[in-house]
Amino acid sequence: AEAARQAALGWQVEVALSGSRLIVTARDAEGRPLSAAVEGALHRPLQDLSVPVGFQAVGGGRWAGAADIPLPGQWEARITLTAPDGTHKDVRTRLFIPREALGG
């Protein structure tokens, strides 16, 4: 039921890696930039490792977040977007973090 509720919102959410930052782009069902609070973390699928990501709005339905990622490889971004009325959507996206993105 929860998955159906979230799908019915029609929100289009993309999560991408840009250098060492996560970029979230979200649009509502009509394609307009979404107004929401964004929280999230990166999880390492094969280890008990979670890294919080601090997101800041950069305008136009986009948020940028930085995290202190300790290891390259496969990670899962777990993001929650919450609209001002409390409506929310959970997004999970697999990402490959290259060594160059670690900044060291």
N, C-alpha and C. Protein backbone atom coordinates (compact mmCIF):
# COMPACT_ATOMS: atom_id res chain seq x y z
N ALA A 1 0.83 -1.19 0.00
CA ALA A 1 0.00 0.00 0.00
C ALA A 1 0.87 1.26 0.00
N GLU A 2 1.96 1.23 0.78
CA GLU A 2 2.84 2.41 0.84
C GLU A 2 3.51 2.66 -0.51
N ALA A 3 3.96 1.62 -1.17
CA ALA A 3 4.58 1.77 -2.49
C ALA A 3 3.58 2.34 -3.49
N ALA A 4 2.34 1.87 -3.44
CA ALA A 4 1.30 2.38 -4.34
C ALA A 4 1.01 3.85 -4.06
N ARG A 5 0.99 4.24 -2.77
CA ARG A 5 0.74 5.63 -2.40
C ARG A 5 1.84 6.53 -2.96
N GLN A 6 3.09 6.08 -2.81
CA GLN A 6 4.20 6.89 -3.30
C GLN A 6 4.21 6.98 -4.82
N ALA A 7 3.90 5.89 -5.49
CA ALA A 7 3.85 5.89 -6.96
C ALA A 7 2.76 6.83 -7.45
N ALA A 8 1.62 6.87 -6.74
CA ALA A 8 0.50 7.72 -7.14
C ALA A 8 0.84 9.21 -7.06
N LEU A 9 1.85 9.57 -6.29
CA LEU A 9 2.25 10.98 -6.21
C LEU A 9 2.71 11.50 -7.57
N GLY A 10 3.33 10.63 -8.36
CA GLY A 10 3.83 11.04 -9.66
C GLY A 10 5.12 11.85 -9.60
N TRP A 11 5.74 11.90 -8.42
CA TRP A 11 7.00 12.65 -8.30
C TRP A 11 8.09 11.95 -9.08
N GLN A 12 8.88 12.73 -9.80
CA GLN A 12 10.00 12.20 -10.57
C GLN A 12 11.28 12.63 -9.85
N VAL A 13 12.01 11.67 -9.33
CA VAL A 13 13.20 11.96 -8.52
C VAL A 13 14.41 11.27 -9.14
N GLU A 14 15.49 12.03 -9.30
CA GLU A 14 16.75 11.49 -9.79
C GLU A 14 17.83 11.75 -8.75
N VAL A 15 18.68 10.78 -8.54
CA VAL A 15 19.82 10.91 -7.63
C VAL A 15 21.06 10.60 -8.45
N ALA A 16 22.04 11.51 -8.41
CA ALA A 16 23.26 11.33 -9.19
C ALA A 16 24.47 11.78 -8.39
N LEU A 17 25.61 11.28 -8.78
CA LEU A 17 26.88 11.67 -8.18
C LEU A 17 27.55 12.69 -9.09
N SER A 18 27.98 13.81 -8.51
CA SER A 18 28.71 14.83 -9.26
C SER A 18 29.98 15.13 -8.47
N GLY A 19 31.09 14.57 -8.91
CA GLY A 19 32.32 14.67 -8.13
C GLY A 19 32.14 13.92 -6.83
N SER A 20 32.27 14.62 -5.72
CA SER A 20 32.08 13.97 -4.42
C SER A 20 30.76 14.37 -3.77
N ARG A 21 29.85 14.94 -4.56
CA ARG A 21 28.56 15.39 -4.02
C ARG A 21 27.40 14.60 -4.64
N LEU A 22 26.38 14.38 -3.83
CA LEU A 22 25.14 13.79 -4.34
C LEU A 22 24.21 14.92 -4.76
N ILE A 23 23.60 14.75 -5.91
CA ILE A 23 22.64 15.74 -6.41
C ILE A 23 21.29 15.05 -6.54
N VAL A 24 20.26 15.64 -5.92
CA VAL A 24 18.90 15.14 -6.01
C VAL A 24 18.10 16.17 -6.80
N THR A 25 17.40 15.70 -7.82
CA THR A 25 16.52 16.55 -8.62
C THR A 25 15.12 15.96 -8.54
N ALA A 26 14.13 16.80 -8.22
CA ALA A 26 12.76 16.29 -8.05
C ALA A 26 11.74 17.22 -8.70
N ARG A 27 10.79 16.60 -9.36
CA ARG A 27 9.69 17.32 -10.00
C ARG A 27 8.38 16.68 -9.57
N ASP A 28 7.32 17.50 -9.54
CA ASP A 28 6.01 16.98 -9.16
C ASP A 28 5.37 16.30 -10.37
N ALA A 29 4.14 15.86 -10.23
CA ALA A 29 3.45 15.11 -11.29
C ALA A 29 3.27 15.94 -12.56
N GLU A 30 3.26 17.28 -12.44
CA GLU A 30 3.11 18.15 -13.61
C GLU A 30 4.46 18.58 -14.19
N GLY A 31 5.56 18.10 -13.61
CA GLY A 31 6.89 18.44 -14.11
C GLY A 31 7.47 19.71 -13.52
N ARG A 32 6.81 20.29 -12.52
CA ARG A 32 7.33 21.49 -11.87
C ARG A 32 8.33 21.11 -10.79
N PRO A 33 9.32 21.98 -10.54
CA PRO A 33 10.27 21.70 -9.46
C PRO A 33 9.54 21.50 -8.14
N LEU A 34 9.94 20.48 -7.41
CA LEU A 34 9.29 20.12 -6.15
C LEU A 34 9.87 20.95 -5.01
N SER A 35 8.99 21.36 -4.11
CA SER A 35 9.42 22.02 -2.88
C SER A 35 9.36 20.97 -1.78
N ALA A 36 10.50 20.69 -1.18
CA ALA A 36 10.55 19.62 -0.17
C ALA A 36 11.80 19.76 0.69
N ALA A 37 11.76 19.09 1.81
CA ALA A 37 12.96 18.90 2.62
C ALA A 37 13.55 17.56 2.20
N VAL A 38 14.88 17.48 2.16
CA VAL A 38 15.55 16.26 1.72
C VAL A 38 16.50 15.79 2.81
N GLU A 39 16.37 14.51 3.17
CA GLU A 39 17.27 13.87 4.14
C GLU A 39 17.76 12.59 3.52
N GLY A 40 18.93 12.15 3.95
CA GLY A 40 19.39 10.88 3.40
C GLY A 40 20.72 10.42 3.95
N ALA A 41 21.09 9.25 3.47
CA ALA A 41 22.35 8.63 3.87
C ALA A 41 22.79 7.70 2.75
N LEU A 42 24.07 7.38 2.78
CA LEU A 42 24.62 6.36 1.89
C LEU A 42 24.84 5.11 2.72
N HIS A 43 24.44 3.97 2.17
CA HIS A 43 24.60 2.69 2.86
C HIS A 43 25.48 1.79 2.01
N ARG A 44 26.37 1.09 2.66
CA ARG A 44 27.24 0.12 1.99
C ARG A 44 26.53 -1.22 2.02
N PRO A 45 26.13 -1.77 0.87
CA PRO A 45 25.30 -2.98 0.83
C PRO A 45 25.88 -4.20 1.54
N LEU A 46 27.20 -4.38 1.50
CA LEU A 46 27.78 -5.61 2.04
C LEU A 46 28.39 -5.43 3.42
N GLN A 47 28.26 -4.25 3.98
CA GLN A 47 28.82 -3.99 5.31
C GLN A 47 27.78 -3.25 6.13
N ASP A 48 27.95 -3.25 7.41
CA ASP A 48 27.07 -2.50 8.29
C ASP A 48 27.62 -1.08 8.41
N LEU A 49 27.53 -0.33 7.31
CA LEU A 49 28.12 0.99 7.24
C LEU A 49 27.12 1.98 6.66
N SER A 50 26.90 3.08 7.37
CA SER A 50 25.99 4.12 6.93
C SER A 50 26.66 5.47 7.11
N VAL A 51 26.55 6.33 6.10
CA VAL A 51 27.16 7.65 6.12
C VAL A 51 26.06 8.68 5.88
N PRO A 52 25.81 9.57 6.84
CA PRO A 52 24.78 10.59 6.63
C PRO A 52 25.20 11.58 5.54
N VAL A 53 24.21 12.10 4.83
CA VAL A 53 24.45 13.10 3.79
C VAL A 53 23.68 14.35 4.19
N GLY A 54 24.36 15.47 4.26
CA GLY A 54 23.71 16.74 4.59
C GLY A 54 23.33 17.46 3.31
N PHE A 55 22.03 17.58 3.05
CA PHE A 55 21.55 18.20 1.81
C PHE A 55 21.18 19.66 2.04
N GLN A 56 21.45 20.48 1.02
CA GLN A 56 21.03 21.87 1.01
C GLN A 56 20.35 22.14 -0.32
N ALA A 57 19.25 22.89 -0.28
CA ALA A 57 18.55 23.27 -1.51
C ALA A 57 19.44 24.19 -2.32
N VAL A 58 19.49 23.94 -3.64
CA VAL A 58 20.25 24.81 -4.53
C VAL A 58 19.33 25.46 -5.56
N GLY A 59 18.01 25.27 -5.40
CA GLY A 59 17.03 25.92 -6.25
C GLY A 59 16.55 25.06 -7.39
N GLY A 60 15.37 25.38 -7.88
CA GLY A 60 14.83 24.68 -9.04
C GLY A 60 14.56 23.21 -8.83
N GLY A 61 14.17 22.83 -7.60
CA GLY A 61 13.89 21.42 -7.33
C GLY A 61 15.15 20.58 -7.26
N ARG A 62 16.28 21.20 -6.86
CA ARG A 62 17.55 20.48 -6.75
C ARG A 62 18.15 20.70 -5.37
N TRP A 63 18.81 19.64 -4.90
CA TRP A 63 19.52 19.66 -3.62
C TRP A 63 20.89 19.04 -3.84
N ALA A 64 21.88 19.56 -3.13
CA ALA A 64 23.23 19.01 -3.19
C ALA A 64 23.62 18.58 -1.78
N GLY A 65 24.27 17.44 -1.70
CA GLY A 65 24.67 16.93 -0.39
C GLY A 65 26.08 16.39 -0.40
N ALA A 66 26.76 16.64 0.71
CA ALA A 66 28.12 16.14 0.86
C ALA A 66 28.16 15.10 1.96
N ALA A 67 29.03 14.14 1.80
CA ALA A 67 29.20 13.09 2.81
C ALA A 67 30.68 12.73 2.88
N ASP A 68 31.10 12.28 4.04
CA ASP A 68 32.47 11.82 4.23
C ASP A 68 32.49 10.32 3.92
N ILE A 69 32.64 9.99 2.64
CA ILE A 69 32.56 8.61 2.16
C ILE A 69 33.93 7.95 2.36
N PRO A 70 33.99 6.88 3.17
CA PRO A 70 35.29 6.30 3.50
C PRO A 70 35.85 5.32 2.48
N LEU A 71 35.01 4.74 1.63
CA LEU A 71 35.46 3.69 0.71
C LEU A 71 34.84 3.85 -0.66
N PRO A 72 35.59 3.55 -1.72
CA PRO A 72 34.99 3.54 -3.05
C PRO A 72 34.16 2.26 -3.23
N GLY A 73 33.37 2.23 -4.28
CA GLY A 73 32.62 1.02 -4.62
C GLY A 73 31.13 1.24 -4.63
N GLN A 74 30.39 0.15 -4.48
CA GLN A 74 28.92 0.17 -4.52
C GLN A 74 28.33 0.71 -3.22
N TRP A 75 27.43 1.67 -3.37
CA TRP A 75 26.70 2.25 -2.25
C TRP A 75 25.24 2.38 -2.66
N GLU A 76 24.37 2.48 -1.68
CA GLU A 76 22.97 2.74 -1.94
C GLU A 76 22.58 4.05 -1.28
N ALA A 77 22.11 5.00 -2.10
CA ALA A 77 21.60 6.26 -1.57
C ALA A 77 20.16 6.02 -1.12
N ARG A 78 19.88 6.34 0.14
CA ARG A 78 18.52 6.23 0.68
C ARG A 78 18.08 7.64 1.04
N ILE A 79 17.16 8.16 0.25
CA ILE A 79 16.75 9.55 0.33
C ILE A 79 15.26 9.63 0.66
N THR A 80 14.89 10.58 1.53
CA THR A 80 13.48 10.86 1.80
C THR A 80 13.21 12.32 1.49
N LEU A 81 12.21 12.54 0.64
CA LEU A 81 11.76 13.89 0.32
C LEU A 81 10.43 14.10 1.03
N THR A 82 10.29 15.24 1.73
CA THR A 82 9.06 15.53 2.46
C THR A 82 8.57 16.92 2.05
N ALA A 83 7.36 16.96 1.47
CA ALA A 83 6.74 18.22 1.04
C ALA A 83 6.25 18.99 2.27
N PRO A 84 5.99 20.29 2.12
CA PRO A 84 5.51 21.10 3.24
C PRO A 84 4.24 20.56 3.90
N ASP A 85 3.39 19.85 3.15
CA ASP A 85 2.16 19.30 3.73
C ASP A 85 2.37 17.94 4.40
N GLY A 86 3.63 17.49 4.46
CA GLY A 86 3.94 16.22 5.12
C GLY A 86 3.97 15.02 4.19
N THR A 87 3.53 15.18 2.96
CA THR A 87 3.60 14.10 1.98
C THR A 87 5.07 13.75 1.76
N HIS A 88 5.37 12.46 1.70
CA HIS A 88 6.78 12.08 1.54
C HIS A 88 6.95 10.96 0.53
N LYS A 89 8.18 10.86 0.05
CA LYS A 89 8.56 9.79 -0.88
C LYS A 89 9.95 9.31 -0.49
N ASP A 90 10.11 8.00 -0.45
CA ASP A 90 11.40 7.37 -0.18
C ASP A 90 12.00 6.88 -1.49
N VAL A 91 13.28 7.16 -1.68
CA VAL A 91 13.98 6.78 -2.91
C VAL A 91 15.24 6.01 -2.54
N ARG A 92 15.48 4.93 -3.23
CA ARG A 92 16.72 4.16 -3.07
C ARG A 92 17.35 4.02 -4.44
N THR A 93 18.63 4.40 -4.51
CA THR A 93 19.36 4.37 -5.78
C THR A 93 20.75 3.81 -5.55
N ARG A 94 21.16 2.82 -6.34
CA ARG A 94 22.51 2.28 -6.26
C ARG A 94 23.45 3.22 -6.99
N LEU A 95 24.60 3.46 -6.38
CA LEU A 95 25.62 4.33 -6.97
C LEU A 95 26.98 3.65 -6.86
N PHE A 96 27.81 3.88 -7.85
CA PHE A 96 29.20 3.46 -7.75
C PHE A 96 30.02 4.70 -7.44
N ILE A 97 30.72 4.68 -6.31
CA ILE A 97 31.56 5.80 -5.89
C ILE A 97 33.00 5.48 -6.29
N PRO A 98 33.55 6.21 -7.28
CA PRO A 98 34.93 5.95 -7.67
C PRO A 98 35.92 6.50 -6.63
N ARG A 99 37.09 5.96 -6.62
CA ARG A 99 38.14 6.39 -5.68
C ARG A 99 38.39 7.90 -5.80
N GLU A 100 38.34 8.43 -7.02
CA GLU A 100 38.59 9.87 -7.24
C GLU A 100 37.59 10.75 -6.51
N ALA A 101 36.39 10.25 -6.26
CA ALA A 101 35.35 11.04 -5.60
C ALA A 101 35.57 11.15 -4.10
N LEU A 102 36.51 10.38 -3.56
CA LEU A 102 36.74 10.38 -2.12
C LEU A 102 37.56 11.58 -1.66
N GLY A 103 38.17 12.28 -2.59
CA GLY A 103 38.93 13.47 -2.24
C GLY A 103 40.26 13.18 -1.58
N GLY A 104 40.79 12.02 -1.76
CA GLY A 104 42.08 11.74 -1.13
C GLY A 104 42.63 10.53 -1.61
